[in-house]
N, C-alpha and C. Protein backbone atom coordinates (compact mmCIF):
# COMPACT_ATOMS: atom_id res chain seq x y z
N SER A 1 -29.46 31.34 -28.58
CA SER A 1 -29.97 32.27 -29.57
C SER A 1 -28.88 33.26 -29.97
N HIS A 2 -28.87 33.63 -31.22
CA HIS A 2 -27.85 34.52 -31.76
C HIS A 2 -28.36 35.96 -31.76
N PRO A 3 -27.44 36.94 -31.71
CA PRO A 3 -27.87 38.34 -31.83
C PRO A 3 -28.65 38.55 -33.13
N GLN A 4 -29.61 39.46 -33.10
CA GLN A 4 -30.42 39.72 -34.28
C GLN A 4 -29.77 40.68 -35.26
N SER A 5 -28.79 41.46 -34.77
CA SER A 5 -28.10 42.38 -35.68
C SER A 5 -26.73 42.74 -35.13
N TYR A 6 -25.88 43.21 -36.03
CA TYR A 6 -24.54 43.72 -35.70
C TYR A 6 -24.30 44.96 -36.54
N GLU A 7 -23.40 45.81 -36.07
CA GLU A 7 -22.87 46.87 -36.92
C GLU A 7 -21.50 46.39 -37.39
N LEU A 8 -21.31 46.34 -38.71
CA LEU A 8 -20.03 45.92 -39.27
C LEU A 8 -19.27 47.14 -39.75
N LEU A 9 -17.95 47.11 -39.58
CA LEU A 9 -17.07 48.20 -39.98
C LEU A 9 -16.09 47.71 -41.04
N LEU A 10 -16.01 48.43 -42.16
CA LEU A 10 -15.05 48.14 -43.22
C LEU A 10 -13.83 49.03 -42.97
N ILE A 11 -12.67 48.39 -42.76
CA ILE A 11 -11.47 49.12 -42.34
C ILE A 11 -10.30 48.79 -43.26
N PRO A 12 -9.64 49.81 -43.83
CA PRO A 12 -8.43 49.55 -44.61
C PRO A 12 -7.31 49.09 -43.68
N ASP A 13 -6.63 48.00 -44.03
CA ASP A 13 -5.56 47.49 -43.18
C ASP A 13 -4.43 48.50 -43.01
N HIS A 14 -4.19 49.33 -44.03
CA HIS A 14 -3.09 50.30 -43.97
C HIS A 14 -3.37 51.45 -43.01
N SER A 15 -4.59 51.52 -42.47
CA SER A 15 -4.95 52.65 -41.61
C SER A 15 -4.69 52.38 -40.13
N ARG A 16 -3.94 51.34 -39.83
CA ARG A 16 -3.67 51.04 -38.42
C ARG A 16 -3.00 52.23 -37.74
N THR A 17 -3.32 52.42 -36.48
CA THR A 17 -2.74 53.51 -35.72
C THR A 17 -1.33 53.14 -35.27
N ARG A 18 -0.63 54.09 -34.68
CA ARG A 18 0.73 53.82 -34.20
C ARG A 18 0.77 52.70 -33.18
N THR A 19 -0.32 52.51 -32.44
CA THR A 19 -0.36 51.45 -31.43
C THR A 19 -0.67 50.09 -32.05
N GLY A 20 -0.97 50.06 -33.36
CA GLY A 20 -1.32 48.81 -34.01
C GLY A 20 -2.81 48.52 -33.99
N ALA A 21 -3.57 49.41 -33.35
CA ALA A 21 -5.02 49.24 -33.30
C ALA A 21 -5.61 49.54 -34.68
N PRO A 22 -6.77 48.98 -34.99
CA PRO A 22 -7.40 49.27 -36.28
C PRO A 22 -7.65 50.77 -36.44
N GLY A 23 -7.54 51.25 -37.67
CA GLY A 23 -7.79 52.65 -37.97
C GLY A 23 -9.26 52.95 -38.13
N ARG A 24 -9.54 54.09 -38.74
CA ARG A 24 -10.92 54.54 -38.92
C ARG A 24 -11.64 53.73 -40.00
N PRO A 25 -12.88 53.35 -39.72
CA PRO A 25 -13.66 52.66 -40.75
C PRO A 25 -14.01 53.61 -41.89
N ILE A 26 -14.06 53.08 -43.12
CA ILE A 26 -14.47 53.89 -44.26
C ILE A 26 -15.93 53.64 -44.62
N ARG A 27 -16.51 52.63 -44.00
CA ARG A 27 -17.93 52.32 -44.24
C ARG A 27 -18.43 51.49 -43.08
N SER A 28 -19.69 51.65 -42.76
CA SER A 28 -20.32 50.80 -41.75
C SER A 28 -21.69 50.39 -42.26
N ALA A 29 -22.20 49.31 -41.72
CA ALA A 29 -23.52 48.83 -42.09
C ALA A 29 -24.11 48.05 -40.93
N VAL A 30 -25.40 48.23 -40.71
CA VAL A 30 -26.11 47.41 -39.74
C VAL A 30 -26.69 46.23 -40.51
N VAL A 31 -26.30 45.03 -40.08
CA VAL A 31 -26.76 43.81 -40.73
C VAL A 31 -27.67 43.05 -39.77
N ALA A 32 -28.71 42.45 -40.32
CA ALA A 32 -29.69 41.71 -39.51
C ALA A 32 -29.62 40.23 -39.85
N ALA A 33 -29.95 39.41 -38.87
CA ALA A 33 -29.96 37.96 -39.06
C ALA A 33 -30.92 37.59 -40.18
N THR A 34 -30.48 36.70 -41.08
CA THR A 34 -31.33 36.25 -42.18
C THR A 34 -32.06 34.95 -41.84
N GLY A 35 -31.61 34.28 -40.77
CA GLY A 35 -32.17 32.98 -40.43
C GLY A 35 -31.48 31.84 -41.16
N GLU A 36 -30.53 32.18 -42.03
CA GLU A 36 -29.79 31.18 -42.79
C GLU A 36 -28.42 30.96 -42.17
N THR A 37 -27.81 29.83 -42.52
CA THR A 37 -26.44 29.55 -42.13
C THR A 37 -25.58 29.70 -43.37
N GLY A 38 -24.48 30.43 -43.25
CA GLY A 38 -23.60 30.65 -44.39
C GLY A 38 -22.73 29.44 -44.67
N ALA A 39 -21.98 29.50 -45.77
CA ALA A 39 -21.08 28.42 -46.16
C ALA A 39 -20.03 28.15 -45.08
N SER A 40 -19.73 29.15 -44.27
CA SER A 40 -18.73 28.99 -43.20
C SER A 40 -19.27 28.19 -42.03
N GLY A 41 -20.61 27.99 -42.00
CA GLY A 41 -21.23 27.28 -40.89
C GLY A 41 -21.75 28.19 -39.80
N TYR A 42 -21.57 29.50 -39.98
CA TYR A 42 -22.03 30.48 -38.99
C TYR A 42 -23.28 31.19 -39.49
N PRO A 43 -24.04 31.81 -38.57
CA PRO A 43 -25.25 32.53 -38.97
C PRO A 43 -24.95 33.64 -39.98
N ARG A 44 -25.86 33.80 -40.93
CA ARG A 44 -25.72 34.81 -41.98
C ARG A 44 -26.48 36.07 -41.58
N TYR A 45 -25.86 37.21 -41.84
CA TYR A 45 -26.45 38.53 -41.58
C TYR A 45 -26.35 39.34 -42.86
N ALA A 46 -27.34 40.21 -43.11
CA ALA A 46 -27.31 41.02 -44.33
C ALA A 46 -27.98 42.37 -44.09
N GLY A 47 -27.49 43.37 -44.81
CA GLY A 47 -28.10 44.69 -44.77
C GLY A 47 -27.15 45.76 -45.28
N GLU A 48 -27.71 46.81 -45.85
CA GLU A 48 -26.96 47.98 -46.30
C GLU A 48 -25.78 47.62 -47.20
N GLY A 49 -25.97 46.61 -48.06
CA GLY A 49 -24.93 46.24 -49.02
C GLY A 49 -23.90 45.25 -48.52
N MET A 50 -24.00 44.85 -47.26
CA MET A 50 -23.05 43.87 -46.73
C MET A 50 -23.79 42.58 -46.39
N GLU A 51 -23.13 41.45 -46.65
CA GLU A 51 -23.64 40.14 -46.28
C GLU A 51 -22.49 39.41 -45.61
N ALA A 52 -22.72 38.92 -44.39
CA ALA A 52 -21.61 38.35 -43.63
C ALA A 52 -22.04 37.15 -42.80
N ASP A 53 -21.11 36.21 -42.63
CA ASP A 53 -21.27 35.11 -41.68
C ASP A 53 -20.50 35.53 -40.44
N VAL A 54 -21.18 35.56 -39.28
CA VAL A 54 -20.55 36.03 -38.05
C VAL A 54 -20.61 34.94 -37.00
N ASP A 55 -19.45 34.65 -36.39
CA ASP A 55 -19.38 33.71 -35.27
C ASP A 55 -19.93 34.45 -34.05
N PRO A 56 -21.10 34.04 -33.53
CA PRO A 56 -21.72 34.78 -32.43
C PRO A 56 -20.94 34.69 -31.11
N GLU A 57 -20.12 33.66 -30.94
CA GLU A 57 -19.36 33.53 -29.69
C GLU A 57 -18.17 34.47 -29.65
N THR A 58 -17.45 34.57 -30.76
CA THR A 58 -16.25 35.42 -30.79
C THR A 58 -16.50 36.77 -31.45
N ARG A 59 -17.68 36.93 -32.08
CA ARG A 59 -18.03 38.14 -32.83
C ARG A 59 -17.03 38.40 -33.95
N THR A 60 -16.56 37.31 -34.56
CA THR A 60 -15.62 37.39 -35.67
C THR A 60 -16.37 37.24 -36.98
N VAL A 61 -16.06 38.10 -37.95
CA VAL A 61 -16.63 37.98 -39.29
C VAL A 61 -15.85 36.89 -40.02
N GLU A 62 -16.54 35.80 -40.36
CA GLU A 62 -15.89 34.64 -40.97
C GLU A 62 -15.94 34.68 -42.50
N ALA A 63 -16.93 35.34 -43.06
CA ALA A 63 -17.05 35.48 -44.52
C ALA A 63 -17.86 36.74 -44.78
N VAL A 64 -17.56 37.43 -45.88
CA VAL A 64 -18.26 38.69 -46.14
C VAL A 64 -18.30 39.00 -47.63
N LEU A 65 -19.39 39.61 -48.05
CA LEU A 65 -19.52 40.20 -49.38
C LEU A 65 -19.89 41.67 -49.19
N ILE A 66 -19.27 42.55 -49.96
CA ILE A 66 -19.57 43.97 -49.93
C ILE A 66 -20.16 44.31 -51.29
N ASP A 67 -21.41 44.75 -51.33
CA ASP A 67 -22.10 45.04 -52.59
C ASP A 67 -21.98 43.87 -53.56
N GLY A 68 -22.07 42.64 -53.02
CA GLY A 68 -22.05 41.44 -53.84
C GLY A 68 -20.67 40.98 -54.27
N GLU A 69 -19.63 41.68 -53.84
CA GLU A 69 -18.26 41.36 -54.23
C GLU A 69 -17.46 40.89 -53.03
N GLU A 70 -16.44 40.07 -53.28
CA GLU A 70 -15.55 39.66 -52.21
C GLU A 70 -14.76 40.86 -51.72
N LEU A 71 -14.28 40.77 -50.51
CA LEU A 71 -13.53 41.85 -49.89
C LEU A 71 -12.24 42.11 -50.66
N ASP A 72 -11.96 43.38 -50.93
CA ASP A 72 -10.72 43.75 -51.61
C ASP A 72 -9.52 43.43 -50.72
N TYR A 73 -8.40 43.10 -51.37
CA TYR A 73 -7.15 42.87 -50.65
C TYR A 73 -6.80 44.15 -49.88
N GLY A 74 -6.34 43.98 -48.65
CA GLY A 74 -5.96 45.14 -47.85
C GLY A 74 -7.11 45.75 -47.06
N MET A 75 -8.26 45.09 -47.07
CA MET A 75 -9.42 45.57 -46.32
C MET A 75 -9.83 44.48 -45.32
N SER A 76 -10.43 44.89 -44.22
CA SER A 76 -10.97 43.92 -43.27
C SER A 76 -12.31 44.43 -42.77
N VAL A 77 -13.11 43.50 -42.28
CA VAL A 77 -14.42 43.84 -41.72
C VAL A 77 -14.45 43.32 -40.30
N ARG A 78 -14.89 44.17 -39.39
CA ARG A 78 -14.99 43.81 -37.97
C ARG A 78 -16.36 44.18 -37.45
N VAL A 79 -16.76 43.49 -36.38
CA VAL A 79 -18.00 43.85 -35.68
C VAL A 79 -17.68 45.03 -34.77
N ALA A 80 -18.46 46.09 -34.85
CA ALA A 80 -18.27 47.25 -33.98
C ALA A 80 -18.45 46.82 -32.53
N GLY A 81 -17.56 47.29 -31.68
CA GLY A 81 -17.65 46.98 -30.26
C GLY A 81 -17.06 45.64 -29.88
N ALA A 82 -16.56 44.86 -30.87
CA ALA A 82 -15.91 43.59 -30.55
C ALA A 82 -14.62 43.89 -29.81
N GLU A 83 -14.13 42.93 -29.06
CA GLU A 83 -12.92 43.13 -28.27
C GLU A 83 -11.79 43.66 -29.14
N GLY A 84 -11.13 44.70 -28.65
CA GLY A 84 -10.04 45.30 -29.40
C GLY A 84 -10.51 46.32 -30.42
N GLU A 85 -11.79 46.51 -30.54
CA GLU A 85 -12.35 47.44 -31.52
C GLU A 85 -12.96 48.62 -30.79
N ARG A 86 -12.65 49.80 -31.23
CA ARG A 86 -13.29 50.97 -30.63
C ARG A 86 -14.59 51.24 -31.37
N PRO A 87 -15.55 51.85 -30.72
CA PRO A 87 -16.80 52.18 -31.41
C PRO A 87 -16.55 53.14 -32.56
N ALA A 88 -17.37 53.06 -33.59
CA ALA A 88 -17.27 54.00 -34.70
C ALA A 88 -17.63 55.39 -34.21
N SER A 89 -16.95 56.40 -34.74
CA SER A 89 -17.27 57.76 -34.31
C SER A 89 -17.82 58.56 -35.47
């Protein structure tokens, strides 16, 4: 069974810290399982303007739409609390 929801973080790639860790998110959204499988083959989650396919084993965002648009160049989306990710503050 897959998680029923995730918190996703939208992070500008240029905001990396001196250690190379991801910088501060500029937006977050709690997305809930839709029961559908996305084009990537992973479960689809949606909510608060974000729609994403998330690999439940690695907690990697495989595909994402923000307000119905593809992700802008220089931006990334991560699952909050995923390995290497600090919680949003």
